Amino acid sequence: LYIAAIVLGVIALIVGILYLSGSVLGHHPARGYAGLGAGVILLIIGIVGMVVRPGSRE
């Protein structure tokens, strides 16, 4: 589950960068910043979820 969040976060970051650069998907600043924000949030959720797993504490 957390690995999926990390993968989706990386994909969202790539799409956000492509929207901001305007080279492939066209220039759309709001979508670019939304993609970057969603990507960062998903990466943070994935990393924190992997570090603090509820069942791994002994």
Protein backbone atom coordinates (compact mmCIF):
# COMPACT_ATOMS: atom_id res chain seq x y z
CA LEU A 1 0.00 0.00 0.00
CA TYR A 2 2.77 2.42 0.91
CA ILE A 3 4.80 1.45 -2.13
CA ALA A 4 1.79 2.28 -4.30
CA ALA A 5 1.60 5.73 -2.66
CA ILE A 6 5.28 6.30 -3.45
CA VAL A 7 4.84 5.19 -7.07
CA LEU A 8 1.78 7.42 -7.52
CA GLY A 9 3.68 10.29 -5.91
CA VAL A 10 6.56 9.93 -8.35
CA ILE A 11 4.15 9.77 -11.29
CA ALA A 12 2.32 12.89 -10.04
CA LEU A 13 5.64 14.72 -9.69
CA ILE A 14 6.63 13.81 -13.24
CA VAL A 15 3.26 14.92 -14.62
CA GLY A 16 3.45 18.16 -12.62
CA ILE A 17 6.91 18.91 -13.99
CA LEU A 18 5.72 18.18 -17.54
CA TYR A 19 2.76 20.54 -17.12
CA LEU A 20 4.99 23.30 -15.74
CA SER A 21 7.60 22.92 -18.47
CA GLY A 22 4.96 23.01 -21.19
CA SER A 23 7.03 20.88 -23.53
CA VAL A 24 4.88 17.75 -23.82
CA LEU A 25 1.47 18.34 -22.23
CA GLY A 26 1.13 22.07 -22.83
CA HIS A 27 1.63 24.84 -20.28
CA HIS A 28 -0.94 24.80 -17.49
CA PRO A 29 0.38 26.29 -14.22
CA ALA A 30 -2.50 25.24 -11.95
CA ARG A 31 -2.28 21.59 -13.01
CA GLY A 32 1.50 21.69 -12.68
CA TYR A 33 1.44 22.97 -9.12
CA ALA A 34 -1.40 20.59 -8.21
CA GLY A 35 0.61 17.68 -9.56
CA LEU A 36 3.70 18.74 -7.64
CA GLY A 37 1.72 19.18 -4.43
CA ALA A 38 -0.07 15.86 -4.75
CA GLY A 39 3.19 14.12 -5.59
CA VAL A 40 4.98 15.50 -2.55
CA ILE A 41 2.09 14.60 -0.24
CA LEU A 42 1.90 11.04 -1.60
CA LEU A 43 5.66 10.61 -1.26
CA ILE A 44 5.55 11.79 2.35
CA ILE A 45 2.64 9.45 3.14
CA GLY A 46 4.44 6.51 1.54
CA ILE A 47 7.76 7.12 3.28
CA VAL A 48 6.24 7.79 6.69
CA GLY A 49 3.99 4.76 6.32
CA MET A 50 6.95 2.52 5.56
CA VAL A 51 9.01 3.88 8.46
CA VAL A 52 6.23 3.76 11.05
CA ARG A 53 4.47 0.48 10.41
CA PRO A 54 1.92 -0.39 13.08
CA GLY A 55 2.76 -4.11 13.23
CA SER A 56 6.55 -3.87 13.16
CA ARG A 57 7.08 -2.68 16.73
CA GLU A 58 8.09 -5.30 19.25
